[in-house]
């Protein structure tokens, strides 16, 4: 299939993902794991 479903934007750029937001799920919870932020702070 060579058709584009959604063409790229004509202005601006696509979003960037902060690598710090990529998490590894706990063992046994790999499928369907959705982390929920409950607090934020410095380590």
N, C-alpha and C. Protein backbone atom coordinates (compact mmCIF):
# COMPACT_ATOMS: atom_id res chain seq x y z
N UNK A 1 0.85 -1.18 0.00
CA UNK A 1 0.00 0.00 0.00
C UNK A 1 0.90 1.24 0.00
N UNK A 2 0.73 2.11 -0.96
CA UNK A 2 1.60 3.28 -1.07
C UNK A 2 0.87 4.60 -0.81
N UNK A 3 -0.34 4.53 -0.26
CA UNK A 3 -1.09 5.74 0.05
C UNK A 3 -0.81 6.17 1.49
N UNK A 4 -0.77 7.48 1.71
CA UNK A 4 -0.59 8.00 3.07
C UNK A 4 -1.95 8.11 3.74
N UNK A 5 -2.04 7.60 4.97
CA UNK A 5 -3.28 7.71 5.74
C UNK A 5 -3.48 9.16 6.19
N UNK A 6 -2.40 9.75 6.69
CA UNK A 6 -2.44 11.13 7.17
C UNK A 6 -1.15 11.80 6.71
N UNK A 7 -1.24 12.78 5.83
CA UNK A 7 -0.02 13.42 5.33
C UNK A 7 0.71 14.17 6.44
N UNK A 8 2.03 14.35 6.30
CA UNK A 8 2.78 15.10 7.31
C UNK A 8 2.33 16.57 7.34
N UNK A 9 2.55 17.26 8.45
CA UNK A 9 2.12 18.66 8.53
C UNK A 9 2.88 19.54 7.55
N UNK A 10 2.22 20.57 7.06
CA UNK A 10 2.86 21.51 6.13
C UNK A 10 3.68 22.55 6.87
N UNK A 11 3.32 22.83 8.12
CA UNK A 11 4.08 23.78 8.94
C UNK A 11 4.36 23.13 10.29
N UNK A 12 5.36 23.61 10.99
CA UNK A 12 5.70 23.07 12.30
C UNK A 12 6.36 21.71 12.18
N UNK A 13 6.38 20.96 13.27
CA UNK A 13 6.97 19.63 13.27
C UNK A 13 6.17 18.71 14.18
N UNK A 14 6.40 17.44 14.03
CA UNK A 14 5.73 16.47 14.88
C UNK A 14 6.28 16.55 16.29
N UNK A 15 5.56 16.02 17.24
CA UNK A 15 5.96 16.08 18.65
C UNK A 15 7.19 15.24 18.92
N UNK A 16 7.95 15.64 19.91
CA UNK A 16 9.09 14.87 20.40
C UNK A 16 8.67 14.17 21.69
N UNK A 17 9.23 13.00 21.95
CA UNK A 17 8.95 12.28 23.19
C UNK A 17 10.19 12.35 24.07
N UNK A 18 10.01 12.85 25.29
CA UNK A 18 11.11 12.93 26.24
C UNK A 18 11.49 11.51 26.65
N UNK A 19 12.76 11.11 26.46
CA UNK A 19 13.17 9.75 26.82
C UNK A 19 12.93 9.41 28.28
N UNK A 20 12.87 10.40 29.16
CA UNK A 20 12.63 10.15 30.58
C UNK A 20 11.21 9.66 30.83
N UNK A 21 10.33 9.84 29.84
CA UNK A 21 8.94 9.42 30.00
C UNK A 21 8.71 7.97 29.61
N UNK A 22 9.71 7.34 29.00
CA UNK A 22 9.59 5.94 28.59
C UNK A 22 9.91 5.08 29.81
N UNK A 23 8.97 4.26 30.23
CA UNK A 23 9.15 3.44 31.42
C UNK A 23 9.18 1.96 31.07
N UNK A 24 9.79 1.18 31.93
CA UNK A 24 9.81 -0.27 31.80
C UNK A 24 8.82 -0.83 32.82
N UNK A 25 7.85 -1.61 32.36
CA UNK A 25 6.85 -2.13 33.30
C UNK A 25 7.44 -3.16 34.25
N UNK A 26 6.86 -3.31 35.43
CA UNK A 26 7.32 -4.32 36.37
C UNK A 26 7.13 -5.73 35.78
N UNK A 27 7.95 -6.65 36.20
CA UNK A 27 7.87 -8.04 35.73
C UNK A 27 6.47 -8.58 36.01
N UNK A 28 5.89 -9.21 35.02
CA UNK A 28 4.55 -9.78 35.15
C UNK A 28 3.44 -8.82 34.75
N UNK A 29 3.79 -7.55 34.49
CA UNK A 29 2.77 -6.56 34.11
C UNK A 29 3.08 -5.96 32.75
N UNK A 30 3.79 -6.70 31.90
CA UNK A 30 4.22 -6.16 30.61
C UNK A 30 3.05 -5.85 29.68
N UNK A 31 1.99 -6.64 29.71
CA UNK A 31 0.85 -6.43 28.82
C UNK A 31 -0.19 -5.54 29.50
N UNK A 32 -0.48 -4.41 28.89
CA UNK A 32 -1.53 -3.53 29.40
C UNK A 32 -1.10 -2.61 30.52
N UNK A 33 0.18 -2.53 30.82
CA UNK A 33 0.67 -1.67 31.92
C UNK A 33 0.51 -0.21 31.54
N UNK A 34 -0.16 0.56 32.38
CA UNK A 34 -0.33 2.00 32.17
C UNK A 34 0.13 2.70 33.44
N UNK A 35 1.32 3.32 33.40
CA UNK A 35 1.79 4.03 34.60
C UNK A 35 0.98 5.30 34.83
N UNK A 36 0.70 5.60 36.09
CA UNK A 36 -0.04 6.80 36.45
C UNK A 36 0.82 7.60 37.41
N UNK A 37 1.07 8.85 37.06
CA UNK A 37 1.91 9.73 37.88
C UNK A 37 1.13 10.14 39.11
N UNK A 38 1.73 9.93 40.28
CA UNK A 38 1.08 10.35 41.53
C UNK A 38 1.85 11.48 42.22
N UNK A 39 3.11 11.68 41.83
CA UNK A 39 3.91 12.78 42.38
C UNK A 39 5.10 13.02 41.47
N UNK A 40 5.76 14.16 41.68
CA UNK A 40 6.93 14.51 40.92
C UNK A 40 7.93 15.14 41.86
N UNK A 41 9.21 14.81 41.69
CA UNK A 41 10.24 15.40 42.53
C UNK A 41 11.61 14.99 42.07
N UNK A 42 12.62 15.55 42.70
CA UNK A 42 14.00 15.19 42.38
C UNK A 42 14.39 13.90 43.07
N UNK A 43 15.21 13.12 42.41
CA UNK A 43 15.70 11.89 43.05
C UNK A 43 16.86 12.18 43.96
